[in-house]
Protein backbone atom coordinates (compact mmCIF):
# COMPACT_ATOMS: atom_id res chain seq x y z
CA MET A 1 -183.58 146.54 105.03
CA ILE A 2 -186.39 143.81 103.47
CA SER A 3 -184.27 141.58 105.05
CA PHE A 4 -184.74 143.09 108.62
CA LEU A 5 -188.78 143.15 108.09
CA SER A 6 -188.76 139.06 106.86
CA ASP A 7 -186.40 138.27 109.96
CA LEU A 8 -188.60 140.62 111.86
CA TRP A 9 -191.87 138.82 111.25
CA ARG A 10 -190.80 135.71 111.39
CA ILE A 11 -189.62 136.31 114.73
CA LEU A 12 -193.17 138.21 115.55
CA LYS A 13 -195.30 135.53 114.17
CA GLY A 14 -193.56 133.16 116.12
CA THR A 15 -193.95 134.75 118.95
CA GLY A 16 -197.75 134.57 117.94
CA LEU A 17 -197.71 130.94 118.14
CA TRP A 18 -195.88 130.68 120.66
CA LEU A 19 -198.55 133.13 122.98
CA ASP A 20 -201.37 131.41 121.39
CA LYS A 21 -200.02 127.48 122.70
CA LYS A 22 -199.72 128.63 125.87
CA GLU A 23 -202.74 130.63 126.09
CA ALA A 24 -204.77 127.76 124.94
CA ALA A 25 -202.86 125.14 127.42
CA ALA A 26 -204.06 127.34 130.22
CA LEU A 27 -207.15 127.05 129.50
CA GLY A 28 -206.73 123.34 129.35
CA ALA A 29 -206.34 122.25 126.03
CA PRO A 30 -203.80 119.76 124.89
CA ASN A 31 -201.00 120.05 124.52
CA GLY A 32 -198.99 121.71 121.46
CA ASP A 33 -202.97 122.92 119.78
CA THR A 34 -203.38 126.48 119.19
CA ILE A 35 -206.48 128.35 120.82
CA SER A 36 -208.63 128.18 117.82
CA ILE A 37 -207.93 124.95 116.98
CA TRP A 38 -209.03 123.32 120.05
CA ILE A 39 -212.02 125.33 119.92
CA ALA A 40 -213.29 124.12 116.42
CA MET A 41 -212.80 120.70 118.08
CA LYS A 42 -215.09 121.35 120.78
CA ALA A 43 -217.74 122.87 118.50
CA ARG A 44 -217.71 120.81 116.07
CA HIS A 45 -218.43 118.04 119.25
CA GLY A 46 -221.30 120.40 120.22
CA ASN A 47 -220.32 122.96 122.65
CA ALA A 48 -222.49 125.62 122.32
CA LEU A 49 -219.45 128.33 124.21
CA ALA A 50 -217.38 126.95 121.59
CA HIS A 51 -219.35 128.20 118.98
CA ILE A 52 -219.74 131.08 120.84
CA ALA A 53 -216.35 131.29 120.93
CA CYS A 54 -215.60 130.64 116.91
CA LEU A 55 -217.86 133.63 116.01
CA ALA A 56 -215.60 135.67 117.97
CA LEU A 57 -212.79 134.27 116.35
CA TRP A 58 -214.08 136.26 113.11
CA LEU A 59 -212.44 139.43 114.17
CA VAL A 60 -209.44 137.53 113.37
CA GLN A 61 -210.61 135.56 109.98
CA PHE A 62 -213.78 134.99 108.88
CA ARG A 63 -214.33 131.36 109.53
CA HIS A 64 -210.98 131.12 111.41
CA CYS A 65 -211.30 128.41 113.25
CA GLN A 66 -213.28 126.06 110.05
CA ASN A 67 -210.07 127.14 107.80
CA GLN A 68 -207.64 127.03 111.02
CA LEU A 69 -209.52 122.98 110.87
CA ALA A 70 -209.17 122.37 107.38
CA GLY A 71 -205.38 123.71 107.46
CA VAL A 72 -205.93 126.85 105.28
CA PRO A 73 -202.76 129.83 106.00
CA MET A 74 -203.92 133.29 107.82
CA ALA A 75 -203.11 136.41 105.32
CA THR A 76 -200.84 138.68 107.51
CA GLN A 77 -203.47 141.13 108.69
CA ASN A 78 -205.05 138.28 110.10
CA TYR A 79 -201.33 137.68 111.99
CA ILE A 80 -201.71 140.20 112.74
CA ARG A 81 -204.33 141.40 114.55
CA ALA A 82 -204.46 137.04 115.99
CA THR A 83 -201.72 138.38 117.72
CA VAL A 84 -203.20 141.56 118.95
CA LEU A 85 -206.17 139.48 120.28
CA LEU A 86 -203.67 137.27 121.90
CA ILE A 87 -201.97 139.99 123.91
CA LEU A 88 -205.48 141.11 125.01
CA PHE A 89 -206.54 137.97 126.35
CA THR A 90 -203.21 137.09 128.12
CA PRO A 91 -204.60 138.72 131.42
CA ILE A 92 -208.13 136.48 130.54
CA ALA A 93 -206.18 133.17 130.16
CA GLY A 94 -204.22 133.80 133.78
CA VAL A 95 -207.04 134.40 135.34
CA VAL A 96 -208.94 130.86 134.35
CA TRP A 97 -204.85 129.02 134.81
CA CYS A 98 -204.82 130.00 138.65
CA VAL A 99 -209.29 129.45 138.99
CA ARG A 100 -208.10 125.88 137.59
CA SER A 101 -204.82 125.36 139.73
CA ILE A 102 -206.88 125.74 142.96
CA ALA A 103 -209.43 123.87 141.59
CA ARG A 104 -207.18 121.46 141.22
CA SER A 105 -205.32 121.46 144.19
CA ILE A 106 -208.66 121.71 146.09
CA ALA A 107 -209.45 118.67 144.72
CA LYS A 108 -206.91 116.60 146.00
CA ARG A 109 -207.15 117.53 149.16
CA VAL A 110 -210.77 116.20 149.27
């Protein structure tokens, strides 16, 4: 039973990380960055919206952006919160990706 739960946990954790990287790419992050690391880097360079987003990520973990930049691992309950928020955030990332794609195709025609 413990082996099954451990395997299930590894799958869920891997799926959450995959979803995180895909949503970050849809928002315009460099390939391979997670949303929190990308936002933390933007906040570090003074982006006001990124600072607000980092505050919102406190729902996942206290000082989540700073902890991700520092390499502090998340606790199990934080991974569960993060995965739930990523699933809820998927439609928003999809809309942003569509708008960015339309804007890029219009820019190519001009």
